[in-house]
PDB file of N, CA and C in Angstrom:
ATOM      1  N   MET A   1     -15.321  -0.791  -3.562  1.00  0.00           N
ATOM      2  CA  MET A   1     -16.084   0.167  -4.826  1.00  0.00           C
ATOM      3  C   MET A   1     -14.498   0.259  -5.414  1.00  0.00           C
ATOM      4  N   TYR A   2     -14.645   0.381  -6.944  1.00  0.00           N
ATOM      5  CA  TYR A   2     -13.389   0.667  -7.567  1.00  0.00           C
ATOM      6  C   TYR A   2     -13.896   1.992  -8.541  1.00  0.00           C
ATOM      7  N   ALA A   3     -13.140   3.011  -8.641  1.00  0.00           N
ATOM      8  CA  ALA A   3     -12.874   4.149  -9.016  1.00  0.00           C
ATOM      9  C   ALA A   3     -12.260   4.256 -10.010  1.00  0.00           C
ATOM     10  N   THR A   4     -11.775   4.896 -11.360  1.00  0.00           N
ATOM     11  CA  THR A   4     -11.219   5.155 -11.832  1.00  0.00           C
ATOM     12  C   THR A   4     -10.373   6.359 -11.258  1.00  0.00           C
ATOM     13  N   ASP A   5      -8.971   6.777 -11.292  1.00  0.00           N
ATOM     14  CA  ASP A   5      -8.326   7.627 -10.743  1.00  0.00           C
ATOM     15  C   ASP A   5      -6.850   8.500 -11.724  1.00  0.00           C
ATOM     16  N   ALA A   6      -7.103   9.203 -12.010  1.00  0.00           N
ATOM     17  CA  ALA A   6      -6.102   9.888 -13.176  1.00  0.00           C
ATOM     18  C   ALA A   6      -4.777  10.235 -12.358  1.00  0.00           C
ATOM     19  N   GLY A   7      -4.833  10.007 -11.161  1.00  0.00           N
ATOM     20  CA  GLY A   7      -3.881  10.277  -9.821  1.00  0.00           C
ATOM     21  C   GLY A   7      -3.011   9.202  -9.663  1.00  0.00           C
ATOM     22  N   LEU A   8      -3.320   8.508  -9.512  1.00  0.00           N
ATOM     23  CA  LEU A   8      -2.970   6.588  -9.575  1.00  0.00           C
ATOM     24  C   LEU A   8      -1.892   6.713 -10.708  1.00  0.00           C
ATOM     25  N   THR A   9      -0.749   6.242 -10.464  1.00  0.00           N
ATOM     26  CA  THR A   9      -0.299   5.777 -11.122  1.00  0.00           C
ATOM     27  C   THR A   9       0.597   4.217 -10.792  1.00  0.00           C
ATOM     28  N   ASP A  10       1.237   3.667 -11.939  1.00  0.00           N
ATOM     29  CA  ASP A  10       1.700   2.436 -11.505  1.00  0.00           C
ATOM     30  C   ASP A  10       3.288   2.135 -10.937  1.00  0.00           C
ATOM     31  N   THR A  11       3.447   3.523 -10.749  1.00  0.00           N
ATOM     32  CA  THR A  11       4.762   3.623 -10.236  1.00  0.00           C
ATOM     33  C   THR A  11       4.757   3.835  -8.342  1.00  0.00           C
ATOM     34  N   ASP A  12       4.509   4.423  -7.539  1.00  0.00           N
ATOM     35  CA  ASP A  12       4.308   4.633  -6.237  1.00  0.00           C
ATOM     36  C   ASP A  12       3.466   5.707  -6.137  1.00  0.00           C
ATOM     37  N   ASN A  13       2.709   4.962  -4.740  1.00  0.00           N
ATOM     38  CA  ASN A  13       1.812   5.631  -4.222  1.00  0.00           C
ATOM     39  C   ASN A  13       1.464   5.048  -2.813  1.00  0.00           C
ATOM     40  N   THR A  14       0.949   6.331  -2.235  1.00  0.00           N
ATOM     41  CA  THR A  14       0.787   6.033  -0.565  1.00  0.00           C
ATOM     42  C   THR A  14      -0.713   6.468  -0.619  1.00  0.00           C
ATOM     43  N   ILE A  15      -1.700   5.354  -0.118  1.00  0.00           N
ATOM     44  CA  ILE A  15      -3.243   5.204  -0.465  1.00  0.00           C
ATOM     45  C   ILE A  15      -3.810   4.971   1.290  1.00  0.00           C
ATOM     46  N   GLN A  16      -3.905   6.423   1.088  1.00  0.00           N
ATOM     47  CA  GLN A  16      -4.584   6.375   3.210  1.00  0.00           C
ATOM     48  C   GLN A  16      -6.705   5.922   2.917  1.00  0.00           C
ATOM     49  N   LEU A  17      -6.846   5.229   3.864  1.00  0.00           N
ATOM     50  CA  LEU A  17      -8.091   5.373   4.503  1.00  0.00           C
ATOM     51  C   LEU A  17      -8.518   6.295   5.061  1.00  0.00           C
ATOM     52  N   LYS A  18      -9.251   6.993   5.266  1.00  0.00           N
ATOM     53  CA  LYS A  18      -9.690   8.039   6.558  1.00  0.00           C
ATOM     54  C   LYS A  18     -11.200   7.864   7.032  1.00  0.00           C
ATOM     55  N   ASP A  19     -11.468   8.156   8.067  1.00  0.00           N
ATOM     56  CA  ASP A  19     -12.862   8.515   8.691  1.00  0.00           C
ATOM     57  C   ASP A  19     -13.023   9.900   8.293  1.00  0.00           C
ATOM     58  N   ALA A  20     -14.217  10.467   8.616  1.00  0.00           N
ATOM     59  CA  ALA A  20     -15.129  11.420   8.335  1.00  0.00           C
ATOM     60  C   ALA A  20     -14.372  12.709   8.718  1.00  0.00           C
ATOM     61  N   LEU A  21     -13.607  12.261  10.169  1.00  0.00           N
ATOM     62  CA  LEU A  21     -12.619  13.398  10.657  1.00  0.00           C
ATOM     63  C   LEU A  21     -11.658  13.538  10.042  1.00  0.00           C
ATOM     64  N   GLY A  22     -10.578  12.942   9.346  1.00  0.00           N
ATOM     65  CA  GLY A  22      -9.856  13.017   8.921  1.00  0.00           C
ATOM     66  C   GLY A  22      -8.478  11.976   9.763  1.00  0.00           C
ATOM     67  N   THR A  23      -8.787  11.202  10.001  1.00  0.00           N
ATOM     68  CA  THR A  23      -8.372  10.276  10.916  1.00  0.00           C
ATOM     69  C   THR A  23      -8.035   9.496  10.211  1.00  0.00           C
ATOM     70  N   ILE A  24      -6.548   9.021  10.115  1.00  0.00           N
ATOM     71  CA  ILE A  24      -6.199   7.668   9.020  1.00  0.00           C
ATOM     72  C   ILE A  24      -6.494   6.855   9.996  1.00  0.00           C
ATOM     73  N   LEU A  25      -7.159   5.356   9.225  1.00  0.00           N
ATOM     74  CA  LEU A  25      -7.492   4.111   9.395  1.00  0.00           C
ATOM     75  C   LEU A  25      -6.700   3.205   9.135  1.00  0.00           C
ATOM     76  N   ASP A  26      -6.029   2.925   7.588  1.00  0.00           N
ATOM     77  CA  ASP A  26      -5.233   2.357   7.315  1.00  0.00           C
ATOM     78  C   ASP A  26      -4.926   3.116   6.139  1.00  0.00           C
ATOM     79  N   ALA A  27      -3.780   2.148   5.539  1.00  0.00           N
ATOM     80  CA  ALA A  27      -2.729   2.718   4.685  1.00  0.00           C
ATOM     81  C   ALA A  27      -2.104   1.640   3.724  1.00  0.00           C
ATOM     82  N   VAL A  28      -1.291   1.971   2.667  1.00  0.00           N
ATOM     83  CA  VAL A  28      -0.208   1.055   1.983  1.00  0.00           C
ATOM     84  C   VAL A  28       0.558   1.706   1.057  1.00  0.00           C
ATOM     85  N   LEU A  29       1.818   1.317   1.210  1.00  0.00           N
ATOM     86  CA  LEU A  29       2.657   2.075   0.435  1.00  0.00           C
ATOM     87  C   LEU A  29       2.294   1.030  -0.969  1.00  0.00           C
ATOM     88  N   ILE A  30       2.766   1.797  -1.869  1.00  0.00           N
ATOM     89  CA  ILE A  30       3.014   0.624  -3.694  1.00  0.00           C
ATOM     90  C   ILE A  30       3.846   1.343  -4.227  1.00  0.00           C
ATOM     91  N   ALA A  31       4.314   0.434  -4.898  1.00  0.00           N
ATOM     92  CA  ALA A  31       5.885   1.038  -5.472  1.00  0.00           C
ATOM     93  C   ALA A  31       5.635  -0.215  -6.925  1.00  0.00           C
ATOM     94  N   ASP A  32       6.501   0.214  -8.217  1.00  0.00           N
ATOM     95  CA  ASP A  32       6.685  -0.712  -9.031  1.00  0.00           C
ATOM     96  C   ASP A  32       7.950  -1.566  -9.008  1.00  0.00           C
ATOM     97  N   ASP A  33       8.903  -1.045  -8.168  1.00  0.00           N
ATOM     98  CA  ASP A  33      10.632  -1.417  -8.184  1.00  0.00           C
ATOM     99  C   ASP A  33      10.889  -1.560  -6.687  1.00  0.00           C
ATOM    100  N   PRO A  34      11.449  -2.513  -6.276  1.00  0.00           N
ATOM    101  CA  PRO A  34      12.050  -2.007  -4.900  1.00  0.00           C
ATOM    102  C   PRO A  34      12.867  -1.439  -4.750  1.00  0.00           C
ATOM    103  N   THR A  35      13.664  -0.466  -5.406  1.00  0.00           N
ATOM    104  CA  THR A  35      14.530   0.559  -5.126  1.00  0.00           C
ATOM    105  C   THR A  35      14.257   1.923  -6.348  1.00  0.00           C
ATOM    106  N   GLY A  36      14.770   3.089  -6.026  1.00  0.00           N
ATOM    107  CA  GLY A  36      14.129   4.132  -6.591  1.00  0.00           C
ATOM    108  C   GLY A  36      14.356   5.511  -6.363  1.00  0.00           C
ATOM    109  N   THR A  37      13.461   6.310  -6.713  1.00  0.00           N
ATOM    110  CA  THR A  37      13.076   7.592  -6.332  1.00  0.00           C
ATOM    111  C   THR A  37      11.507   7.526  -6.406  1.00  0.00           C
ATOM    112  N   ALA A  38      10.952   8.088  -5.219  1.00  0.00           N
ATOM    113  CA  ALA A  38       9.634   7.754  -5.086  1.00  0.00           C
ATOM    114  C   ALA A  38       9.210   9.152  -5.195  1.00  0.00           C
ATOM    115  N   ALA A  39       7.888   9.637  -5.788  1.00  0.00           N
ATOM    116  CA  ALA A  39       7.719  10.981  -5.748  1.00  0.00           C
ATOM    117  C   ALA A  39       7.228  11.870  -4.401  1.00  0.00           C
ATOM    118  N   ALA A  40       7.335  12.793  -4.700  1.00  0.00           N
ATOM    119  CA  ALA A  40       7.869  13.924  -3.192  1.00  0.00           C
ATOM    120  C   ALA A  40       6.217  13.254  -2.277  1.00  0.00           C
ATOM    121  N   ASP A  41       4.845  13.512  -3.876  1.00  0.00           N
ATOM    122  CA  ASP A  41       3.985  13.479  -2.646  1.00  0.00           C
ATOM    123  C   ASP A  41       3.772  12.227  -2.131  1.00  0.00           C
ATOM    124  N   SER A  42       3.835  11.646  -2.953  1.00  0.00           N
ATOM    125  CA  SER A  42       4.000   9.831  -2.083  1.00  0.00           C
ATOM    126  C   SER A  42       5.102   9.965  -1.197  1.00  0.00           C
ATOM    127  N   GLU A  43       6.135  10.575  -0.590  1.00  0.00           N
ATOM    128  CA  GLU A  43       6.750  10.390   0.450  1.00  0.00           C
ATOM    129  C   GLU A  43       6.246  11.574   1.697  1.00  0.00           C
ATOM    130  N   THR A  44       5.406  12.693   1.023  1.00  0.00           N
ATOM    131  CA  THR A  44       4.752  13.267   1.949  1.00  0.00           C
ATOM    132  C   THR A  44       3.515  12.249   2.594  1.00  0.00           C
ATOM    133  N   ALA A  45       2.691  12.123   1.788  1.00  0.00           N
ATOM    134  CA  ALA A  45       2.167  10.832   2.164  1.00  0.00           C
ATOM    135  C   ALA A  45       2.000   9.939   3.322  1.00  0.00           C
ATOM    136  N   ALA A  46       3.719   9.416   2.920  1.00  0.00           N
ATOM    137  CA  ALA A  46       3.785   7.737   3.746  1.00  0.00           C
ATOM    138  C   ALA A  46       4.765   9.139   5.197  1.00  0.00           C
ATOM    139  N   ALA A  47       4.826   9.861   5.244  1.00  0.00           N
ATOM    140  CA  ALA A  47       4.776  10.274   6.288  1.00  0.00           C
ATOM    141  C   ALA A  47       3.829  10.677   7.005  1.00  0.00           C
ATOM    142  N   ALA A  48       2.891  11.235   6.897  1.00  0.00           N
ATOM    143  CA  ALA A  48       1.718  11.233   7.687  1.00  0.00           C
ATOM    144  C   ALA A  48       1.554   9.848   7.994  1.00  0.00           C
ATOM    145  N   VAL A  49       0.911   8.430   7.291  1.00  0.00           N
ATOM    146  CA  VAL A  49       1.098   7.305   7.508  1.00  0.00           C
ATOM    147  C   VAL A  49       1.495   6.674   8.638  1.00  0.00           C
ATOM    148  N   ALA A  50       3.224   7.007   8.291  1.00  0.00           N
ATOM    149  CA  ALA A  50       3.629   6.558   9.851  1.00  0.00           C
ATOM    150  C   ALA A  50       3.227   7.413  10.696  1.00  0.00           C
ATOM    151  N   ALA A  51       3.243   8.681  10.889  1.00  0.00           N
ATOM    152  CA  ALA A  51       2.785   9.066  12.103  1.00  0.00           C
ATOM    153  C   ALA A  51       1.984   8.884  13.026  1.00  0.00           C
ATOM    154  N   ALA A  52       0.837   8.632  11.830  1.00  0.00           N
ATOM    155  CA  ALA A  52      -0.147   7.922  12.782  1.00  0.00           C
ATOM    156  C   ALA A  52       0.011   6.316  12.924  1.00  0.00           C
ATOM    157  N   MET A  53       1.039   5.238  12.828  1.00  0.00           N
ATOM    158  CA  MET A  53       1.493   4.463  13.175  1.00  0.00           C
ATOM    159  C   MET A  53       0.709   3.307  11.994  1.00  0.00           C
ATOM    160  N   GLN A  54       0.471   4.104  10.967  1.00  0.00           N
ATOM    161  CA  GLN A  54      -0.432   3.170   9.873  1.00  0.00           C
ATOM    162  C   GLN A  54       0.592   2.468   9.338  1.00  0.00           C
ATOM    163  N   TRP A  55       1.566   2.758   9.189  1.00  0.00           N
ATOM    164  CA  TRP A  55       2.776   2.217   8.221  1.00  0.00           C
ATOM    165  C   TRP A  55       3.876   2.192   8.779  1.00  0.00           C
ATOM    166  N   VAL A  56       4.660   1.230   8.702  1.00  0.00           N
ATOM    167  CA  VAL A  56       6.276   0.282   9.496  1.00  0.00           C
ATOM    168  C   VAL A  56       7.094  -0.398   8.669  1.00  0.00           C
ATOM    169  N   MET A  57       8.147  -0.521   8.776  1.00  0.00           N
ATOM    170  CA  MET A  57       8.994  -1.566   8.508  1.00  0.00           C
ATOM    171  C   MET A  57       8.983  -3.068   8.868  1.00  0.00           C
ATOM    172  N   VAL A  58       8.609  -3.745   8.139  1.00  0.00           N
ATOM    173  CA  VAL A  58       8.640  -5.287   8.861  1.00  0.00           C
ATOM    174  C   VAL A  58       9.219  -5.401   9.747  1.00  0.00           C
ATOM    175  N   GLY A  59       8.291  -5.741  10.828  1.00  0.00           N
ATOM    176  CA  GLY A  59       9.313  -5.890  12.362  1.00  0.00           C
ATOM    177  C   GLY A  59       9.093  -4.998  13.118  1.00  0.00           C
ATOM    178  N   GLY A  60       8.292  -3.830  12.704  1.00  0.00           N
ATOM    179  CA  GLY A  60       8.043  -2.267  13.403  1.00  0.00           C
ATOM    180  C   GLY A  60       9.643  -1.324  13.151  1.00  0.00           C
ATOM    181  N   GLY A  61       9.351  -0.119  13.335  1.00  0.00           N
ATOM    182  CA  GLY A  61      10.212   1.043  12.887  1.00  0.00           C
ATOM    183  C   GLY A  61       9.928   1.727  12.246  1.00  0.00           C
ATOM    184  N   LEU A  62      10.951   2.651  11.968  1.00  0.00           N
ATOM    185  CA  LEU A  62      10.565   3.772  10.756  1.00  0.00           C
ATOM    186  C   LEU A  62      12.196   3.375  10.133  1.00  0.00           C
ATOM    187  N   PRO A  63      12.350   3.625   8.834  1.00  0.00           N
ATOM    188  CA  PRO A  63      13.897   3.749   8.339  1.00  0.00           C
ATOM    189  C   PRO A  63      14.080   5.002   8.834  1.00  0.00           C
ATOM    190  N   PRO A  64      15.553   5.506   9.168  1.00  0.00           N
ATOM    191  CA  PRO A  64      16.586   6.512   9.183  1.00  0.00           C
ATOM    192  C   PRO A  64      16.063   7.526   8.308  1.00  0.00           C
ATOM    193  N   GLY A  65      15.331   8.190   8.369  1.00  0.00           N
ATOM    194  CA  GLY A  65      15.146   9.994   7.190  1.00  0.00           C
ATOM    195  C   GLY A  65      13.689   9.458   6.928  1.00  0.00           C
ATOM    196  N   GLY A  66      12.988   8.269   7.365  1.00  0.00           N
ATOM    197  CA  GLY A  66      11.844   8.197   6.768  1.00  0.00           C
ATOM    198  C   GLY A  66      11.396   7.267   5.535  1.00  0.00           C
ATOM    199  N   PHE A  67      10.487   7.217   4.786  1.00  0.00           N
ATOM    200  CA  PHE A  67       9.837   6.492   3.694  1.00  0.00           C
ATOM    201  C   PHE A  67      10.722   7.045   2.404  1.00  0.00           C
ATOM    202  N   VAL A  68      11.635   7.692   2.216  1.00  0.00           N
ATOM    203  CA  VAL A  68      12.122   8.147   1.227  1.00  0.00           C
ATOM    204  C   VAL A  68      13.004   7.605   0.092  1.00  0.00           C
ATOM    205  N   ASP A  69      12.739   7.526  -1.188  1.00  0.00           N
ATOM    206  CA  ASP A  69      13.374   7.126  -2.131  1.00  0.00           C
ATOM    207  C   ASP A  69      13.364   5.607  -1.851  1.00  0.00           C
ATOM    208  N   ASP A  70      14.745   5.167  -1.803  1.00  0.00           N
ATOM    209  CA  ASP A  70      15.074   3.367  -2.154  1.00  0.00           C
ATOM    210  C   ASP A  70      14.081   3.026  -0.622  1.00  0.00           C
ATOM    211  N   ALA A  71      14.018   3.703   0.375  1.00  0.00           N
ATOM    212  CA  ALA A  71      13.630   3.351   1.799  1.00  0.00           C
ATOM    213  C   ALA A  71      11.898   3.232   1.599  1.00  0.00           C
ATOM    214  N   PHE A  72      11.267   4.151   0.775  1.00  0.00           N
ATOM    215  CA  PHE A  72      10.007   4.245   0.368  1.00  0.00           C
ATOM    216  C   PHE A  72       9.870   2.925  -0.366  1.00  0.00           C
ATOM    217  N   CYS A  73      10.576   2.632  -1.548  1.00  0.00           N
ATOM    218  CA  CYS A  73      10.162   1.353  -2.167  1.00  0.00           C
ATOM    219  C   CYS A  73      10.785   0.056  -1.495  1.00  0.00           C
ATOM    220  N   ALA A  74      11.933   0.154  -1.079  1.00  0.00           N
ATOM    221  CA  ALA A  74      11.967  -0.948  -0.251  1.00  0.00           C
ATOM    222  C   ALA A  74      11.012  -1.798   0.917  1.00  0.00           C
ATOM    223  N   ASN A  75      10.008  -0.825   1.212  1.00  0.00           N
ATOM    224  CA  ASN A  75       9.083  -0.965   2.486  1.00  0.00           C
ATOM    225  C   ASN A  75       7.699  -1.103   1.932  1.00  0.00           C
ATOM    226  N   ALA A  76       7.640  -0.630   0.388  1.00  0.00           N
ATOM    227  CA  ALA A  76       6.288  -0.646  -0.155  1.00  0.00           C
ATOM    228  C   ALA A  76       5.782  -2.407  -1.014  1.00  0.00           C
ATOM    229  N   VAL A  77       4.433  -1.952  -0.955  1.00  0.00           N
ATOM    230  CA  VAL A  77       4.055  -3.486  -1.525  1.00  0.00           C
ATOM    231  C   VAL A  77       4.374  -3.119  -2.967  1.00  0.00           C
ATOM    232  N   LEU A  78       4.943  -4.461  -3.639  1.00  0.00           N
ATOM    233  CA  LEU A  78       5.353  -4.513  -4.858  1.00  0.00           C
ATOM    234  C   LEU A  78       4.625  -4.345  -6.008  1.00  0.00           C
ATOM    235  N   ASP A  79       4.810  -4.264  -7.340  1.00  0.00           N
ATOM    236  CA  ASP A  79       4.851  -4.789  -8.491  1.00  0.00           C
ATOM    237  C   ASP A  79       3.579  -3.988  -9.153  1.00  0.00           C
ATOM    238  N   SER A  80       2.856  -2.632  -8.530  1.00  0.00           N
ATOM    239  CA  SER A  80       2.100  -2.079  -8.378  1.00  0.00           C
ATOM    240  C   SER A  80       1.616  -1.886 -10.680  1.00  0.00           C
ATOM    241  N   ASN A  81       3.231  -1.904 -11.210  1.00  0.00           N
ATOM    242  CA  ASN A  81       2.989  -2.172 -12.849  1.00  0.00           C
ATOM    243  C   ASN A  81       2.434  -3.227 -13.175  1.00  0.00           C
ATOM    244  N   ALA A  82       2.275  -4.052 -12.741  1.00  0.00           N
ATOM    245  CA  ALA A  82       2.047  -5.708 -13.180  1.00  0.00           C
ATOM    246  C   ALA A  82       0.573  -5.977 -12.799  1.00  0.00           C
ATOM    247  N   THR A  83      -0.630  -4.719 -11.732  1.00  0.00           N
ATOM    248  CA  THR A  83      -1.715  -4.860 -11.928  1.00  0.00           C
ATOM    249  C   THR A  83      -2.646  -4.718 -13.092  1.00  0.00           C
ATOM    250  N   GLY A  84      -3.406  -5.066 -12.991  1.00  0.00           N
ATOM    251  CA  GLY A  84      -4.660  -4.967 -14.115  1.00  0.00           C
ATOM    252  C   GLY A  84      -5.856  -3.489 -13.784  1.00  0.00           C
ATOM    253  N   THR A  85      -6.703  -3.544 -14.475  1.00  0.00           N
ATOM    254  CA  THR A  85      -7.599  -2.884 -14.534  1.00  0.00           C
ATOM    255  C   THR A  85      -8.950  -3.420 -14.600  1.00  0.00           C
ATOM    256  N   ASP A  86      -8.877  -4.879 -14.799  1.00  0.00           N
ATOM    257  CA  ASP A  86     -10.390  -5.208 -15.074  1.00  0.00           C
ATOM    258  C   ASP A  86     -10.139  -6.992 -14.428  1.00  0.00           C
ATOM    259  N   ARG A  87     -11.311  -7.262 -14.446  1.00  0.00           N
ATOM    260  CA  ARG A  87     -10.969  -9.155 -13.067  1.00  0.00           C
ATOM    261  C   ARG A  87     -10.360  -9.928 -13.810  1.00  0.00           C
ATOM    262  N   THR A  88     -10.050  -9.883 -14.778  1.00  0.00           N
ATOM    263  CA  THR A  88      -9.131 -10.673 -15.245  1.00  0.00           C
ATOM    264  C   THR A  88      -7.519 -10.403 -14.806  1.00  0.00           C
ATOM    265  N   GLY A  89      -7.286  -9.166 -14.223  1.00  0.00           N
ATOM    266  CA  GLY A  89      -6.008  -8.660 -14.004  1.00  0.00           C
ATOM    267  C   GLY A  89      -5.733  -9.255 -13.013  1.00  0.00           C
ATOM    268  N   ASP A  90      -3.865  -8.676 -12.460  1.00  0.00           N
ATOM    269  CA  ASP A  90      -3.792  -8.498 -10.900  1.00  0.00           C
ATOM    270  C   ASP A  90      -4.078  -7.523 -10.238  1.00  0.00           C
ATOM    271  N   SER A  91      -4.330  -7.720  -8.425  1.00  0.00           N
ATOM    272  CA  SER A  91      -4.213  -7.011  -7.723  1.00  0.00           C
ATOM    273  C   SER A  91      -3.156  -6.932  -7.042  1.00  0.00           C
ATOM    274  N   LEU A  92      -3.011  -5.739  -6.236  1.00  0.00           N
ATOM    275  CA  LEU A  92      -2.526  -5.800  -4.509  1.00  0.00           C
ATOM    276  C   LEU A  92      -3.314  -6.000  -3.726  1.00  0.00           C
ATOM    277  N   ARG A  93      -3.260  -7.317  -2.853  1.00  0.00           N
ATOM    278  CA  ARG A  93      -4.476  -6.934  -1.864  1.00  0.00           C
ATOM    279  C   ARG A  93      -3.765  -8.105  -0.895  1.00  0.00           C
ATOM    280  N   ARG A  94      -4.696  -7.618   0.448  1.00  0.00           N
ATOM    281  CA  ARG A  94      -4.300  -8.352   1.905  1.00  0.00           C
ATOM    282  C   ARG A  94      -4.358  -9.872   1.912  1.00  0.00           C
ATOM    283  N   ILE A  95      -2.994 -10.481   2.598  1.00  0.00           N
ATOM    284  CA  ILE A  95      -3.524 -11.662   2.433  1.00  0.00           C
ATOM    285  C   ILE A  95      -3.876 -12.520   3.521  1.00  0.00           C
ATOM    286  N   ASP A  96      -4.173 -11.752   4.274  1.00  0.00           N
ATOM    287  CA  ASP A  96      -5.023 -12.733   6.022  1.00  0.00           C
ATOM    288  C   ASP A  96      -5.818 -11.775   6.400  1.00  0.00           C
ATOM    289  N   ASN A  97      -6.161 -11.234   7.750  1.00  0.00           N
ATOM    290  CA  ASN A  97      -6.961 -10.720   8.442  1.00  0.00           C
ATOM    291  C   ASN A  97      -5.971  -9.747   9.599  1.00  0.00           C
ATOM    292  N   THR A  98      -5.036 -10.254   9.529  1.00  0.00           N
ATOM    293  CA  THR A  98      -4.044  -9.281  10.488  1.00  0.00           C
ATOM    294  C   THR A  98      -3.886  -8.021   9.685  1.00  0.00           C
ATOM    295  N   ASP A  99      -3.414  -6.959  10.471  1.00  0.00           N
ATOM    296  CA  ASP A  99      -2.978  -5.739  10.042  1.00  0.00           C
ATOM    297  C   ASP A  99      -1.499  -5.121  10.802  1.00  0.00           C
ATOM    298  N   ASP A 100      -0.406  -5.897  10.200  1.00  0.00           N
ATOM    299  CA  ASP A 100       0.408  -5.292  11.060  1.00  0.00           C
ATOM    300  C   ASP A 100       0.994  -3.924  10.817  1.00  0.00           C
ATOM    301  N   HIS A 101       0.527  -3.288  10.000  1.00  0.00           N
ATOM    302  CA  HIS A 101       0.896  -2.338   9.369  1.00  0.00           C
ATOM    303  C   HIS A 101       2.182  -1.579   8.176  1.00  0.00           C
ATOM    304  N   ASP A 102       2.115  -3.364   7.470  1.00  0.00           N
ATOM    305  CA  ASP A 102       3.894  -3.368   6.846  1.00  0.00           C
ATOM    306  C   ASP A 102       3.291  -4.097   5.614  1.00  0.00           C
ATOM    307  N   GLU A 103       4.367  -4.480   4.649  1.00  0.00           N
ATOM    308  CA  GLU A 103       4.413  -5.215   3.520  1.00  0.00           C
ATOM    309  C   GLU A 103       4.225  -6.332   3.358  1.00  0.00           C
ATOM    310  N   ALA A 104       4.760  -7.000   4.479  1.00  0.00           N
ATOM    311  CA  ALA A 104       4.030  -8.366   4.382  1.00  0.00           C
ATOM    312  C   ALA A 104       2.543  -8.988   4.540  1.00  0.00           C
ATOM    313  N   ASP A 105       1.649  -7.632   5.011  1.00  0.00           N
ATOM    314  CA  ASP A 105       0.657  -7.757   5.325  1.00  0.00           C
ATOM    315  C   ASP A 105      -0.073  -8.247   3.608  1.00  0.00           C
ATOM    316  N   TRP A 106       0.477  -7.631   2.627  1.00  0.00           N
ATOM    317  CA  TRP A 106       0.290  -7.600   1.208  1.00  0.00           C
ATOM    318  C   TRP A 106       0.993  -8.399   0.201  1.00  0.00           C
ATOM    319  N   ALA A 107       0.061  -9.075  -0.790  1.00  0.00           N
ATOM    320  CA  ALA A 107       1.064  -9.591  -2.001  1.00  0.00           C
ATOM    321  C   ALA A 107       0.147  -8.968  -3.408  1.00  0.00           C
ATOM    322  N   GLN A 108       0.778  -9.369  -4.668  1.00  0.00           N
ATOM    323  CA  GLN A 108      -0.187  -9.515  -5.798  1.00  0.00           C
ATOM    324  C   GLN A 108      -0.311 -10.369  -6.355  1.00  0.00           C
ATOM    325  N   GLY A 109      -1.566 -10.657  -6.025  1.00  0.00           N
ATOM    326  CA  GLY A 109      -2.425 -11.783  -6.875  1.00  0.00           C
ATOM    327  C   GLY A 109      -3.860 -11.693  -7.741  1.00  0.00           C
ATOM    328  N   ALA A 110      -4.496 -12.432  -7.969  1.00  0.00           N
ATOM    329  CA  ALA A 110      -5.445 -12.446  -8.826  1.00  0.00           C
ATOM    330  C   ALA A 110      -6.593 -11.595  -8.312  1.00  0.00           C
ATOM    331  N   SER A 111      -7.474 -10.642  -8.929  1.00  0.00           N
ATOM    332  CA  SER A 111      -8.321  -9.630  -8.489  1.00  0.00           C
ATOM    333  C   SER A 111      -9.614 -10.423  -8.117  1.00  0.00           C
ATOM    334  N   THR A 112     -10.178 -10.055  -7.201  1.00  0.00           N
ATOM    335  CA  THR A 112     -11.229 -10.563  -6.529  1.00  0.00           C
ATOM    336  C   THR A 112     -12.792  -9.729  -6.603  1.00  0.00           C
ATOM    337  N   TRP A 113     -12.271  -8.502  -6.728  1.00  0.00           N
ATOM    338  CA  TRP A 113     -13.515  -7.714  -6.890  1.00  0.00           C
ATOM    339  C   TRP A 113     -14.803  -7.320  -6.504  1.00  0.00           C
ATOM    340  N   GLY A 114     -14.375  -7.050  -4.947  1.00  0.00           N
ATOM    341  CA  GLY A 114     -15.337  -7.304  -3.386  1.00  0.00           C
ATOM    342  C   GLY A 114     -15.247  -8.520  -3.306  1.00  0.00           C
ATOM    343  N   LEU A 115     -14.482  -9.696  -3.176  1.00  0.00           N
ATOM    344  CA  LEU A 115     -14.785 -10.935  -2.773  1.00  0.00           C
ATOM    345  C   LEU A 115     -14.334 -10.994  -1.592  1.00  0.00           C
ATOM    346  N   ILE A 116     -14.157 -11.700  -0.957  1.00  0.00           N
ATOM    347  CA  ILE A 116     -12.965 -11.880   0.199  1.00  0.00           C
ATOM    348  C   ILE A 116     -11.835 -12.466  -0.336  1.00  0.00           C
ATOM    349  N   ASN A 117     -10.163 -11.710  -0.568  1.00  0.00           N
ATOM    350  CA  ASN A 117      -9.174 -12.059  -0.371  1.00  0.00           C
ATOM    351  C   ASN A 117      -8.836 -13.643  -0.180  1.00  0.00           C
ATOM    352  N   ALA A 118      -8.332 -14.287  -1.045  1.00  0.00           N
ATOM    353  CA  ALA A 118      -7.419 -16.034  -0.449  1.00  0.00           C
ATOM    354  C   ALA A 118      -6.867 -15.000   0.908  1.00  0.00           C
ATOM    355  N   GLY A 119      -6.720 -16.261   1.967  1.00  0.00           N
ATOM    356  CA  GLY A 119      -6.067 -15.779   3.207  1.00  0.00           C
ATOM    357  C   GLY A 119      -7.414 -15.165   4.325  1.00  0.00           C
ATOM    358  N   GLN A 120      -8.177 -14.819   3.430  1.00  0.00           N
ATOM    359  CA  GLN A 120      -8.906 -13.946   4.228  1.00  0.00           C
ATOM    360  C   GLN A 120     -10.590 -14.386   4.574  1.00  0.00           C
ATOM    361  N   THR A 121     -11.073 -14.441   5.665  1.00  0.00           N
ATOM    362  CA  THR A 121     -12.048 -14.872   6.525  1.00  0.00           C
ATOM    363  C   THR A 121     -13.159 -13.522   6.598  1.00  0.00           C
ATOM    364  N   THR A 122     -14.348 -14.328   6.723  1.00  0.00           N
ATOM    365  CA  THR A 122     -15.175 -13.276   7.185  1.00  0.00           C
ATOM    366  C   THR A 122     -15.253 -12.581   8.354  1.00  0.00           C
ATOM    367  N   PHE A 123     -15.493 -11.250   9.132  1.00  0.00           N
ATOM    368  CA  PHE A 123     -15.734 -11.379  10.344  1.00  0.00           C
ATOM    369  C   PHE A 123     -17.215 -11.430  10.952  1.00  0.00           C
TER     370      PHE A 123
END
């Protein structure tokens, strides 16, 4: 389901999926550039998803000091500023059925709008 949210930006965000009890089930860090200053709220949310073992650096582990500023951007899925808001635009999407809790699970590509992403199969 897609919903417009004025709180989402095309700079940096931490998006979390939680169950009814507030347990983090999945997460993704997104950014527009591989370096820079991340928003404090994005960094706070990144610390929470890292503590829940839902986001790590590629290969595992956390950066010294956590996902803050350059470390946030370097470990986030990139090009949030190149995505669209309609079915003809690009989106950030999972690339396969695995979930390694890192940026390598994700890529920018054509929007699928509720369909299976390229590289994924039905369960």
